[in-house]
Amino acid sequence: MTTQGKGSYQITGWDEKPYEEKKGQPKLTQAHVTNAFSGDIEGEGRAEYLMAYASDSDASFVGMQKVVGSVRGKKGSFVLQTTGTFDGGKAKADWFVVPDSGTDELKGLSGKGGYVSKSDGSAEVTLNFTLK
């Protein structure tokens, strides 16, 4: 049975560096990001994102985020694979739980969801999940 999880996260750290900048081409960057989750997902997320900026305010990104904490009271860790866009100061992304990435009480976790960011560095998150 799939359970709908909701919550939020707050960005607690952001370290982004370009690795390719050529005139007339998208700027490519890598960012190390930390997040504090609350709601149905509680804990800390550590993410690595790769981004391609079409302009200073528009980008596409992919990433992996390891979350250590709990999902509805079940403790452990898991990894989220993310794809999204950054448009006009707001990010919107879809994610899914990487198969077999759950540990401890989160072994067997599967699911998908996403987030929409706000201008204050927080985001509303969803994770529709199954825990075997």
C-alpha atoms as a PDB file:
ATOM      1  CA  MET A   1       0.000   0.000   0.000  1.00  0.00           C
ATOM      2  CA  THR A   2       1.330   3.430  -0.982  1.00  0.00           C
ATOM      3  CA  THR A   3       1.401   6.129   1.697  1.00  0.00           C
ATOM      4  CA  GLN A   4       1.436   9.827   0.854  1.00  0.00           C
ATOM      5  CA  GLY A   5       4.140  11.660   2.785  1.00  0.00           C
ATOM      6  CA  LYS A   6       4.311  15.448   3.020  1.00  0.00           C
ATOM      7  CA  GLY A   7       6.607  17.931   4.644  1.00  0.00           C
ATOM      8  CA  SER A   8       9.228  20.529   3.966  1.00  0.00           C
ATOM      9  CA  TYR A   9      12.925  21.158   4.003  1.00  0.00           C
ATOM     10  CA  GLN A  10      15.082  24.171   4.661  1.00  0.00           C
ATOM     11  CA  ILE A  11      18.400  24.603   2.863  1.00  0.00           C
ATOM     12  CA  THR A  12      21.108  24.753   5.543  1.00  0.00           C
ATOM     13  CA  GLY A  13      24.154  24.891   3.267  1.00  0.00           C
ATOM     14  CA  TRP A  14      24.915  25.634  -0.380  1.00  0.00           C
ATOM     15  CA  ASP A  15      28.375  25.465  -1.983  1.00  0.00           C
ATOM     16  CA  GLU A  16      28.209  25.831  -5.781  1.00  0.00           C
ATOM     17  CA  LYS A  17      31.187  26.060  -8.106  1.00  0.00           C
ATOM     18  CA  PRO A  18      31.386  26.297 -11.900  1.00  0.00           C
ATOM     19  CA  TYR A  19      33.370  23.630 -13.695  1.00  0.00           C
ATOM     20  CA  GLU A  20      32.876  24.962 -17.228  1.00  0.00           C
ATOM     21  CA  GLU A  21      32.140  28.490 -18.434  1.00  0.00           C
ATOM     22  CA  LYS A  22      32.493  29.271 -22.125  1.00  0.00           C
ATOM     23  CA  LYS A  23      31.010  32.258 -23.908  1.00  0.00           C
ATOM     24  CA  GLY A  24      27.860  31.360 -25.828  1.00  0.00           C
ATOM     25  CA  GLN A  25      27.422  28.036 -23.995  1.00  0.00           C
ATOM     26  CA  PRO A  26      25.513  27.034 -20.863  1.00  0.00           C
ATOM     27  CA  LYS A  27      27.467  27.475 -17.628  1.00  0.00           C
ATOM     28  CA  LEU A  28      27.988  24.102 -15.901  1.00  0.00           C
ATOM     29  CA  THR A  29      28.198  23.948 -12.101  1.00  0.00           C
ATOM     30  CA  GLN A  30      28.325  21.455  -9.254  1.00  0.00           C
ATOM     31  CA  ALA A  31      26.681  22.181  -5.903  1.00  0.00           C
ATOM     32  CA  HIS A  32      26.999  20.492  -2.526  1.00  0.00           C
ATOM     33  CA  VAL A  33      23.781  21.174  -0.592  1.00  0.00           C
ATOM     34  CA  THR A  34      22.547  20.284   2.901  1.00  0.00           C
ATOM     35  CA  ASN A  35      18.876  20.314   3.898  1.00  0.00           C
ATOM     36  CA  ALA A  36      16.935  19.942   7.156  1.00  0.00           C
ATOM     37  CA  PHE A  37      13.746  17.898   6.585  1.00  0.00           C
ATOM     38  CA  SER A  38      10.605  18.121   8.731  1.00  0.00           C
ATOM     39  CA  GLY A  39       7.173  16.528   8.516  1.00  0.00           C
ATOM     40  CA  ASP A  40       6.723  12.909   7.451  1.00  0.00           C
ATOM     41  CA  ILE A  41      10.438  12.898   6.556  1.00  0.00           C
ATOM     42  CA  GLU A  42      12.630  14.039   9.476  1.00  0.00           C
ATOM     43  CA  GLY A  43      16.387  14.403   9.305  1.00  0.00           C
ATOM     44  CA  GLU A  44      19.271  15.748   7.267  1.00  0.00           C
ATOM     45  CA  GLY A  45      19.817  15.531   3.524  1.00  0.00           C
ATOM     46  CA  ARG A  46      23.212  15.836   1.822  1.00  0.00           C
ATOM     47  CA  ALA A  47      22.972  16.366  -1.929  1.00  0.00           C
ATOM     48  CA  GLU A  48      25.252  16.737  -4.918  1.00  0.00           C
ATOM     49  CA  TYR A  49      23.737  18.516  -7.925  1.00  0.00           C
ATOM     50  CA  LEU A  50      25.015  19.093 -11.456  1.00  0.00           C
ATOM     51  CA  MET A  51      23.473  22.129 -13.157  1.00  0.00           C
ATOM     52  CA  ALA A  52      23.396  23.626 -16.633  1.00  0.00           C
ATOM     53  CA  TYR A  53      22.465  27.323 -16.701  1.00  0.00           C
ATOM     54  CA  ALA A  54      20.832  28.611 -19.884  1.00  0.00           C
ATOM     55  CA  SER A  55      20.862  32.075 -18.246  1.00  0.00           C
ATOM     56  CA  ASP A  56      21.643  33.493 -14.800  1.00  0.00           C
ATOM     57  CA  SER A  57      18.127  32.650 -13.591  1.00  0.00           C
ATOM     58  CA  ASP A  58      17.266  29.467 -15.534  1.00  0.00           C
ATOM     59  CA  ALA A  59      18.866  26.038 -15.131  1.00  0.00           C
ATOM     60  CA  SER A  60      18.259  22.322 -15.415  1.00  0.00           C
ATOM     61  CA  PHE A  61      19.730  19.998 -12.791  1.00  0.00           C
ATOM     62  CA  VAL A  62      20.194  16.390 -11.728  1.00  0.00           C
ATOM     63  CA  GLY A  63      21.309  15.118  -8.355  1.00  0.00           C
ATOM     64  CA  MET A  64      21.579  12.512  -5.651  1.00  0.00           C
ATOM     65  CA  GLN A  65      20.623  13.199  -2.042  1.00  0.00           C
ATOM     66  CA  LYS A  66      21.253  10.917   0.927  1.00  0.00           C
ATOM     67  CA  VAL A  67      18.695  11.440   3.682  1.00  0.00           C
ATOM     68  CA  VAL A  68      19.545  10.260   7.220  1.00  0.00           C
ATOM     69  CA  GLY A  69      16.677  10.313   9.704  1.00  0.00           C
ATOM     70  CA  SER A  70      13.196   8.845   9.634  1.00  0.00           C
ATOM     71  CA  VAL A  71      10.099   8.404   7.495  1.00  0.00           C
ATOM     72  CA  ARG A  72       6.918   8.347   9.587  1.00  0.00           C
ATOM     73  CA  GLY A  73       8.943   7.294  12.623  1.00  0.00           C
ATOM     74  CA  LYS A  74      10.920   4.501  10.910  1.00  0.00           C
ATOM     75  CA  LYS A  75      14.646   5.271  11.268  1.00  0.00           C
ATOM     76  CA  GLY A  76      17.434   4.792   8.749  1.00  0.00           C
ATOM     77  CA  SER A  77      18.728   6.362   5.568  1.00  0.00           C
ATOM     78  CA  PHE A  78      17.901   6.325   1.856  1.00  0.00           C
ATOM     79  CA  VAL A  79      18.955   8.013  -1.383  1.00  0.00           C
ATOM     80  CA  LEU A  80      16.792  10.218  -3.624  1.00  0.00           C
ATOM     81  CA  GLN A  81      17.593  10.699  -7.323  1.00  0.00           C
ATOM     82  CA  THR A  82      16.426  14.111  -8.530  1.00  0.00           C
ATOM     83  CA  THR A  83      15.769  15.885 -11.837  1.00  0.00           C
ATOM     84  CA  GLY A  84      14.475  19.419 -12.009  1.00  0.00           C
ATOM     85  CA  THR A  85      14.507  22.975 -13.247  1.00  0.00           C
ATOM     86  CA  PHE A  86      15.345  26.342 -11.732  1.00  0.00           C
ATOM     87  CA  ASP A  87      13.288  29.152 -13.236  1.00  0.00           C
ATOM     88  CA  GLY A  88      13.132  32.735 -12.035  1.00  0.00           C
ATOM     89  CA  GLY A  89      14.432  31.958  -8.555  1.00  0.00           C
ATOM     90  CA  LYS A  90      12.356  28.854  -7.846  1.00  0.00           C
ATOM     91  CA  ALA A  91      13.239  25.194  -8.217  1.00  0.00           C
ATOM     92  CA  LYS A  92      10.802  22.439  -9.130  1.00  0.00           C
ATOM     93  CA  ALA A  93      11.926  18.818  -9.107  1.00  0.00           C
ATOM     94  CA  ASP A  94      10.814  15.215  -9.257  1.00  0.00           C
ATOM     95  CA  TRP A  95      12.597  12.508  -7.292  1.00  0.00           C
ATOM     96  CA  PHE A  96      12.458   8.814  -6.576  1.00  0.00           C
ATOM     97  CA  VAL A  97      13.984   6.548  -3.959  1.00  0.00           C
ATOM     98  CA  VAL A  98      16.983   4.741  -5.466  1.00  0.00           C
ATOM     99  CA  PRO A  99      16.145   1.003  -5.337  1.00  0.00           C
ATOM    100  CA  ASP A 100      17.770  -0.900  -2.451  1.00  0.00           C
ATOM    101  CA  SER A 101      19.170   2.300  -0.901  1.00  0.00           C
ATOM    102  CA  GLY A 102      17.137   2.078   2.321  1.00  0.00           C
ATOM    103  CA  THR A 103      18.916   1.046   5.528  1.00  0.00           C
ATOM    104  CA  ASP A 104      17.858  -0.147   8.988  1.00  0.00           C
ATOM    105  CA  GLU A 105      14.074   0.318   9.456  1.00  0.00           C
ATOM    106  CA  LEU A 106      13.873   1.877   5.958  1.00  0.00           C
ATOM    107  CA  LYS A 107      15.082  -1.261   4.141  1.00  0.00           C
ATOM    108  CA  GLY A 108      12.673  -1.928   1.291  1.00  0.00           C
ATOM    109  CA  LEU A 109      11.623   1.738   0.980  1.00  0.00           C
ATOM    110  CA  SER A 110      10.446   2.710  -2.499  1.00  0.00           C
ATOM    111  CA  GLY A 111       8.604   5.731  -3.777  1.00  0.00           C
ATOM    112  CA  LYS A 112       8.552   8.947  -5.734  1.00  0.00           C
ATOM    113  CA  GLY A 113       7.583  12.558  -5.277  1.00  0.00           C
ATOM    114  CA  GLY A 114       9.223  15.928  -5.564  1.00  0.00           C
ATOM    115  CA  TYR A 115       9.423  19.470  -4.320  1.00  0.00           C
ATOM    116  CA  VAL A 116       8.721  23.084  -5.166  1.00  0.00           C
ATOM    117  CA  SER A 117      10.979  25.686  -3.577  1.00  0.00           C
ATOM    118  CA  LYS A 118      10.115  29.054  -2.111  1.00  0.00           C
ATOM    119  CA  SER A 119      12.209  32.217  -2.255  1.00  0.00           C
ATOM    120  CA  ASP A 120      13.275  31.817   1.418  1.00  0.00           C
ATOM    121  CA  GLY A 121      15.280  28.616   0.769  1.00  0.00           C
ATOM    122  CA  SER A 122      12.560  26.250   1.942  1.00  0.00           C
ATOM    123  CA  ALA A 123      10.581  23.776  -0.135  1.00  0.00           C
ATOM    124  CA  GLU A 124       7.339  21.848   0.146  1.00  0.00           C
ATOM    125  CA  VAL A 125       8.086  18.151  -0.424  1.00  0.00           C
ATOM    126  CA  THR A 126       6.093  15.033  -1.226  1.00  0.00           C
ATOM    127  CA  LEU A 127       7.060  11.372  -1.152  1.00  0.00           C
ATOM    128  CA  ASN A 128       4.489   8.739  -2.085  1.00  0.00           C
ATOM    129  CA  PHE A 129       6.132   5.643  -0.628  1.00  0.00           C
ATOM    130  CA  THR A 130       5.841   1.963   0.155  1.00  0.00           C
ATOM    131  CA  LEU A 131       7.809   0.293   2.929  1.00  0.00           C
ATOM    132  CA  LYS A 132       8.086  -3.477   2.657  1.00  0.00           C
END
